[in-house]
Structure formats: C-alpha cells, structure tokens
Amino acid sequence: MQKEEVTDSRLVGVDTCAPALGLPKATFYRMLKAKLIPAYRVGVKQRGLRVSIPEVRAALRTGNE
C-alpha cells in the first residue's frame, strides 16, 4: 500500500492519518488515549474520531523537543 500524502487541513480518520505519518494504528490510538494527539469527535453519538494531519504533525514535533 502506498502512503497518501495529505497536506491540507481537512479532518481525516485514523485509517488515513496513521499510515500517512508512518505510525501503526495501535500506536496512534494509544497516543490519542494519552491525549498526545489532538482529535475531534464526530457523529450523532460522538463515536467517530477525526484528526487534522497538520495538527498531529505539530503535536508530534513539539512532543519530541
């Protein structure tokens, strides 16, 4: 599977974001649970998670400094 480069500020699901950043989904979900990555709840019951790739990249950069 080829990485999809997503650079705009649209909200995407974990299935799109994790591979684009080169992270396993399990690691991504652990980071979400630890609130190391910003995420937005969507849907009527607020069960869906969406993230902004630029925001995630910025959070990962600041976390490594």
C-alpha atoms as a PDB file:
ATOM      1  CA  MET A   1       0.000   0.000   0.000  1.00  0.00           C
ATOM      2  CA  GLN A   2       1.353   3.404  -0.952  1.00  0.00           C
ATOM      3  CA  LYS A   3       1.355   6.295   1.516  1.00  0.00           C
ATOM      4  CA  GLU A   4      -1.091   9.015   0.647  1.00  0.00           C
ATOM      5  CA  GLU A   5       0.316  12.492   1.188  1.00  0.00           C
ATOM      6  CA  VAL A   6      -2.351  14.659   2.807  1.00  0.00           C
ATOM      7  CA  THR A   7      -1.303  18.240   3.447  1.00  0.00           C
ATOM      8  CA  ASP A   8      -4.491  20.255   3.750  1.00  0.00           C
ATOM      9  CA  SER A   9      -6.342  20.909   6.978  1.00  0.00           C
ATOM     10  CA  ARG A  10      -9.318  18.614   6.374  1.00  0.00           C
ATOM     11  CA  LEU A  11     -10.265  16.147   9.069  1.00  0.00           C
ATOM     12  CA  VAL A  12      -9.471  12.532   8.313  1.00  0.00           C
ATOM     13  CA  GLY A  13      -9.886   9.221  10.077  1.00  0.00           C
ATOM     14  CA  VAL A  14      -7.200   7.226  11.826  1.00  0.00           C
ATOM     15  CA  ASP A  15      -7.129   4.779   8.886  1.00  0.00           C
ATOM     16  CA  THR A  16      -5.857   7.620   6.682  1.00  0.00           C
ATOM     17  CA  CYS A  17      -3.709   9.544   9.153  1.00  0.00           C
ATOM     18  CA  ALA A  18      -1.697   6.783  10.833  1.00  0.00           C
ATOM     19  CA  PRO A  19      -0.219   5.333   7.601  1.00  0.00           C
ATOM     20  CA  ALA A  20       0.402   8.846   6.220  1.00  0.00           C
ATOM     21  CA  LEU A  21       2.587   9.532   9.265  1.00  0.00           C
ATOM     22  CA  GLY A  22       4.189   6.099   9.251  1.00  0.00           C
ATOM     23  CA  LEU A  23       2.636   5.023  12.559  1.00  0.00           C
ATOM     24  CA  PRO A  24       0.843   1.775  13.362  1.00  0.00           C
ATOM     25  CA  LYS A  25      -2.848   2.287  14.172  1.00  0.00           C
ATOM     26  CA  ALA A  26      -2.397   0.749  17.638  1.00  0.00           C
ATOM     27  CA  THR A  27       0.309   3.286  18.495  1.00  0.00           C
ATOM     28  CA  PHE A  28      -1.827   6.088  17.110  1.00  0.00           C
ATOM     29  CA  TYR A  29      -4.785   5.057  19.286  1.00  0.00           C
ATOM     30  CA  ARG A  30      -2.527   4.848  22.367  1.00  0.00           C
ATOM     31  CA  MET A  31      -1.284   8.368  21.684  1.00  0.00           C
ATOM     32  CA  LEU A  32      -4.874   9.570  21.275  1.00  0.00           C
ATOM     33  CA  LYS A  33      -5.865   7.972  24.575  1.00  0.00           C
ATOM     34  CA  ALA A  34      -2.898   9.636  26.316  1.00  0.00           C
ATOM     35  CA  LYS A  35      -4.025  12.962  24.757  1.00  0.00           C
ATOM     36  CA  LEU A  36      -0.707  13.431  22.970  1.00  0.00           C
ATOM     37  CA  ILE A  37      -2.527  13.976  19.678  1.00  0.00           C
ATOM     38  CA  PRO A  38      -5.476  16.350  19.162  1.00  0.00           C
ATOM     39  CA  ALA A  39      -8.664  14.706  17.874  1.00  0.00           C
ATOM     40  CA  TYR A  40     -12.275  15.652  17.250  1.00  0.00           C
ATOM     41  CA  ARG A  41     -15.357  13.551  17.961  1.00  0.00           C
ATOM     42  CA  VAL A  42     -17.906  13.457  15.152  1.00  0.00           C
ATOM     43  CA  GLY A  43     -21.292  11.931  14.546  1.00  0.00           C
ATOM     44  CA  VAL A  44     -24.601  11.914  16.325  1.00  0.00           C
ATOM     45  CA  LYS A  45     -23.321   9.808  19.221  1.00  0.00           C
ATOM     46  CA  GLN A  46     -19.829  11.360  19.120  1.00  0.00           C
ATOM     47  CA  ARG A  47     -18.231   7.960  18.483  1.00  0.00           C
ATOM     48  CA  GLY A  48     -16.212   8.823  15.404  1.00  0.00           C
ATOM     49  CA  LEU A  49     -12.706  10.244  15.693  1.00  0.00           C
ATOM     50  CA  ARG A  50     -11.201  12.620  13.168  1.00  0.00           C
ATOM     51  CA  VAL A  51      -7.819  14.299  13.196  1.00  0.00           C
ATOM     52  CA  SER A  52      -6.102  17.038  11.252  1.00  0.00           C
ATOM     53  CA  ILE A  53      -2.783  15.819   9.872  1.00  0.00           C
ATOM     54  CA  PRO A  54      -1.044  19.226  10.221  1.00  0.00           C
ATOM     55  CA  GLU A  55      -2.170  19.439  13.868  1.00  0.00           C
ATOM     56  CA  VAL A  56      -0.937  15.897  14.548  1.00  0.00           C
ATOM     57  CA  ARG A  57       2.421  16.638  12.910  1.00  0.00           C
ATOM     58  CA  ALA A  58       2.784  19.780  15.042  1.00  0.00           C
ATOM     59  CA  ALA A  59       1.913  17.832  18.214  1.00  0.00           C
ATOM     60  CA  LEU A  60       4.436  15.135  17.370  1.00  0.00           C
ATOM     61  CA  ARG A  61       7.117  17.754  16.688  1.00  0.00           C
ATOM     62  CA  THR A  62       6.554  19.560  19.991  1.00  0.00           C
ATOM     63  CA  GLY A  63       6.450  16.282  21.878  1.00  0.00           C
ATOM     64  CA  ASN A  64       9.897  15.311  20.606  1.00  0.00           C
ATOM     65  CA  GLU A  65      11.624  18.562  21.554  1.00  0.00           C
END
